[in-house]
C-alpha atoms as a PDB file:
ATOM      1  CA  MET A   1      -1.834   0.001  12.850  1.00  0.00           C
ATOM      2  CA  LYS A   2      -1.383   0.874   8.894  1.00  0.00           C
ATOM      3  CA  ILE A   3      -1.175  -1.416   5.935  1.00  0.00           C
ATOM      4  CA  PHE A   4       2.134  -1.427   3.743  1.00  0.00           C
ATOM      5  CA  ASN A   5       2.932  -3.152   0.780  1.00  0.00           C
ATOM      6  CA  VAL A   6       6.396  -4.642   0.437  1.00  0.00           C
ATOM      7  CA  TYR A   7       8.628  -4.745  -2.211  1.00  0.00           C
ATOM      8  CA  ARG A   8      12.424  -6.356  -2.552  1.00  0.00           C
ATOM      9  CA  HIS A   9      14.934  -5.710  -4.825  1.00  0.00           C
ATOM     10  CA  ALA A  10      18.189  -8.331  -5.372  1.00  0.00           C
ATOM     11  CA  ALA A  11      20.566  -5.179  -5.034  1.00  0.00           C
ATOM     12  CA  HIS A  12      18.977  -2.500  -3.173  1.00  0.00           C
ATOM     13  CA  GLY A  13      16.987  -4.024  -0.525  1.00  0.00           C
ATOM     14  CA  VAL A  14      13.751  -3.685   0.672  1.00  0.00           C
ATOM     15  CA  GLU A  15      10.794  -1.073   0.265  1.00  0.00           C
ATOM     16  CA  ALA A  16       7.955  -0.433   2.082  1.00  0.00           C
ATOM     17  CA  VAL A  17       4.936   1.847   0.703  1.00  0.00           C
ATOM     18  CA  LYS A  18       1.941   2.723   2.697  1.00  0.00           C
ATOM     19  CA  VAL A  19      -1.333   1.556   1.179  1.00  0.00           C
ATOM     20  CA  GLY A  20      -3.915   4.317   0.158  1.00  0.00           C
ATOM     21  CA  PHE A  21      -3.810   8.324   1.030  1.00  0.00           C
ATOM     22  CA  SER A  22      -0.412   9.600   1.432  1.00  0.00           C
ATOM     23  CA  TRP A  23      -0.004  12.840   3.585  1.00  0.00           C
ATOM     24  CA  PRO A  24       3.737  13.660   2.937  1.00  0.00           C
ATOM     25  CA  ALA A  25       2.424  13.923  -0.923  1.00  0.00           C
ATOM     26  CA  PHE A  26      -0.601  15.938   0.097  1.00  0.00           C
ATOM     27  CA  PHE A  27       1.615  18.575   2.175  1.00  0.00           C
ATOM     28  CA  PHE A  28       4.915  18.312   0.461  1.00  0.00           C
ATOM     29  CA  SER A  29       4.042  17.177  -3.547  1.00  0.00           C
ATOM     30  CA  ILE A  30       6.694  17.987  -5.362  1.00  0.00           C
ATOM     31  CA  ILE A  31       9.296  17.437  -2.758  1.00  0.00           C
ATOM     32  CA  TRP A  32       7.729  14.202  -1.662  1.00  0.00           C
ATOM     33  CA  MET A  33       8.032  13.108  -5.677  1.00  0.00           C
ATOM     34  CA  LEU A  34      11.492  14.208  -5.756  1.00  0.00           C
ATOM     35  CA  SER A  35      12.668  12.645  -2.408  1.00  0.00           C
ATOM     36  CA  LYS A  36      10.935   8.753  -3.842  1.00  0.00           C
ATOM     37  CA  ARG A  37      12.469   9.353  -7.182  1.00  0.00           C
ATOM     38  CA  LEU A  38       8.918  10.156  -8.943  1.00  0.00           C
ATOM     39  CA  TRP A  39      10.724  12.301 -12.062  1.00  0.00           C
ATOM     40  CA  ARG A  40       8.286  12.367 -14.427  1.00  0.00           C
ATOM     41  CA  TYR A  41       5.298  13.352 -11.766  1.00  0.00           C
ATOM     42  CA  ALA A  42       7.536  15.949 -10.408  1.00  0.00           C
ATOM     43  CA  VAL A  43       8.325  17.699 -13.807  1.00  0.00           C
ATOM     44  CA  ILE A  44       4.449  17.422 -14.663  1.00  0.00           C
ATOM     45  CA  PHE A  45       3.200  18.686 -11.287  1.00  0.00           C
ATOM     46  CA  PHE A  46       5.750  21.527 -11.674  1.00  0.00           C
ATOM     47  CA  VAL A  47       4.740  22.387 -15.382  1.00  0.00           C
ATOM     48  CA  LEU A  48       0.898  22.259 -14.296  1.00  0.00           C
ATOM     49  CA  ASN A  49       1.461  24.700 -11.213  1.00  0.00           C
ATOM     50  CA  VAL A  50       3.556  26.717 -13.550  1.00  0.00           C
ATOM     51  CA  LEU A  51       0.715  26.718 -15.944  1.00  0.00           C
ATOM     52  CA  LEU A  52      -1.690  27.528 -13.594  1.00  0.00           C
ATOM     53  CA  ASN A  53       0.049  30.455 -11.863  1.00  0.00           C
ATOM     54  CA  ALA A  54       0.441  32.095 -15.120  1.00  0.00           C
ATOM     55  CA  SER A  55      -2.830  31.488 -16.521  1.00  0.00           C
ATOM     56  CA  GLU A  56      -4.376  33.261 -13.191  1.00  0.00           C
ATOM     57  CA  SER A  57      -1.401  36.630 -14.057  1.00  0.00           C
ATOM     58  CA  ALA A  58      -3.134  36.532 -17.533  1.00  0.00           C
ATOM     59  CA  ALA A  59      -6.770  36.013 -16.563  1.00  0.00           C
ATOM     60  CA  GLU A  60      -6.173  39.254 -14.210  1.00  0.00           C
ATOM     61  CA  ARG A  61      -4.998  41.258 -17.404  1.00  0.00           C
ATOM     62  CA  THR A  62      -7.657  40.351 -19.295  1.00  0.00           C
ATOM     63  CA  PHE A  63     -10.983  39.469 -17.771  1.00  0.00           C
ATOM     64  CA  ASP A  64     -13.710  41.507 -16.439  1.00  0.00           C
ATOM     65  CA  SER A  65     -14.760  41.209 -12.765  1.00  0.00           C
ATOM     66  CA  ASP A  66     -17.437  38.442 -13.957  1.00  0.00           C
ATOM     67  CA  ALA A  67     -15.334  36.059 -15.659  1.00  0.00           C
ATOM     68  CA  LEU A  68     -12.590  36.901 -13.397  1.00  0.00           C
ATOM     69  CA  LEU A  69     -14.728  35.575 -10.710  1.00  0.00           C
ATOM     70  CA  SER A  70     -15.483  32.184 -12.889  1.00  0.00           C
ATOM     71  CA  PHE A  71     -11.811  31.602 -13.574  1.00  0.00           C
ATOM     72  CA  TYR A  72     -11.089  31.950  -9.810  1.00  0.00           C
ATOM     73  CA  ILE A  73     -13.345  29.003  -9.396  1.00  0.00           C
ATOM     74  CA  LEU A  74     -11.927  27.304 -11.779  1.00  0.00           C
ATOM     75  CA  SER A  75      -8.582  27.761 -11.081  1.00  0.00           C
ATOM     76  CA  PHE A  76      -9.429  26.916  -7.108  1.00  0.00           C
ATOM     77  CA  VAL A  77     -10.874  23.400  -8.169  1.00  0.00           C
ATOM     78  CA  GLY A  78      -7.293  22.950 -10.486  1.00  0.00           C
ATOM     79  CA  SER A  79      -5.325  23.807  -7.305  1.00  0.00           C
ATOM     80  CA  LEU A  80      -7.190  21.310  -5.091  1.00  0.00           C
ATOM     81  CA  ALA A  81      -6.835  18.492  -7.828  1.00  0.00           C
ATOM     82  CA  LEU A  82      -3.002  19.295  -7.860  1.00  0.00           C
ATOM     83  CA  TRP A  83      -3.059  19.100  -4.254  1.00  0.00           C
ATOM     84  CA  LEU A  84      -5.727  15.867  -3.928  1.00  0.00           C
ATOM     85  CA  ILE A  85      -4.187  14.162  -6.800  1.00  0.00           C
ATOM     86  CA  PRO A  86      -0.481  13.287  -5.782  1.00  0.00           C
ATOM     87  CA  ALA A  87      -2.294  12.733  -1.795  1.00  0.00           C
ATOM     88  CA  PHE A  88      -4.932   9.990  -3.466  1.00  0.00           C
ATOM     89  CA  GLU A  89      -2.417   8.409  -6.258  1.00  0.00           C
ATOM     90  CA  GLY A  90       0.868   9.294  -5.148  1.00  0.00           C
ATOM     91  CA  ASN A  91       1.753   5.930  -3.495  1.00  0.00           C
ATOM     92  CA  LYS A  92       0.268   4.033  -6.499  1.00  0.00           C
ATOM     93  CA  TRP A  93       2.579   5.682  -8.582  1.00  0.00           C
ATOM     94  CA  ARG A  94       5.329   4.809  -6.205  1.00  0.00           C
ATOM     95  CA  GLU A  95       4.670   1.014  -6.499  1.00  0.00           C
ATOM     96  CA  ALA A  96       4.334   1.024 -10.496  1.00  0.00           C
ATOM     97  CA  ASP A  97       7.718   2.865 -10.331  1.00  0.00           C
ATOM     98  CA  LEU A  98       9.443   0.478  -7.821  1.00  0.00           C
ATOM     99  CA  ARG A  99       7.956  -2.516 -10.117  1.00  0.00           C
ATOM    100  CA  LYS A 100       9.308  -0.935 -13.047  1.00  0.00           C
ATOM    101  CA  ARG A 101      12.516  -0.697 -11.440  1.00  0.00           C
ATOM    102  CA  GLY A 102      12.573  -4.608 -10.706  1.00  0.00           C
ATOM    103  CA  TYR A 103      11.262  -4.269  -7.158  1.00  0.00           C
ATOM    104  CA  VAL A 104       8.931  -7.273  -6.728  1.00  0.00           C
ATOM    105  CA  LEU A 105       6.010  -7.442  -4.302  1.00  0.00           C
ATOM    106  CA  THR A 106       6.624 -10.122  -1.433  1.00  0.00           C
ATOM    107  CA  SER A 107       4.140  -9.230   0.926  1.00  0.00           C
ATOM    108  CA  THR A 108       1.801  -7.101   2.720  1.00  0.00           C
ATOM    109  CA  LEU A 109       1.884  -6.018   6.279  1.00  0.00           C
ATOM    110  CA  GLN A 110       0.750  -3.994   8.926  1.00  0.00           C
ATOM    111  CA  GLY A 111       3.098  -1.402  11.156  1.00  0.00           C
ATOM    112  CA  SER A 112       3.407   1.881  12.546  1.00  0.00           C
ATOM    113  CA  SER A 113       5.837   3.033   9.791  1.00  0.00           C
ATOM    114  CA  PRO A 114       7.518   1.944   6.636  1.00  0.00           C
ATOM    115  CA  ASP A 115      10.943   1.431   8.418  1.00  0.00           C
ATOM    116  CA  ALA A 116       9.044  -0.985  10.743  1.00  0.00           C
ATOM    117  CA  VAL A 117       7.588  -2.822   8.384  1.00  0.00           C
ATOM    118  CA  ALA A 118      10.710  -2.721   6.070  1.00  0.00           C
ATOM    119  CA  ALA A 119      12.610  -4.234   9.475  1.00  0.00           C
ATOM    120  CA  GLN A 120       9.999  -6.848  10.288  1.00  0.00           C
ATOM    121  CA  SER A 121      10.050  -8.070   6.612  1.00  0.00           C
ATOM    122  CA  MET A 122      13.808  -8.880   6.979  1.00  0.00           C
ATOM    123  CA  LYS A 123      13.285 -10.636  10.143  1.00  0.00           C
ATOM    124  CA  VAL A 124      10.397 -12.983   8.198  1.00  0.00           C
ATOM    125  CA  GLN A 125      12.665 -13.723   5.283  1.00  0.00           C
END
């Protein structure tokens, strides 16, 4: 069973956010951010990806083979970070966004999915 924090908003209902690592954020980073209304993070993620790709293209034209290998190692580390940071921090970002939009943390429940936990939360109410 997974653990979810349940947030409630008077006008918008209930949102359940999984605690911990987010597999959807890992595999579908920018799409996941956009679907969760994390606009600022999606823009930052997009800009960082564009900058990383542009720097790789520039490096191929300017660096010699030794420097290029070092650059590729750094680029790989940067790309890995761009995959892992949303996966580890995405649910925290989502919770902060919900609080900013007026949602209030009402409970922490176990369940198999966010929808099941939201339904369970509605019954408890």
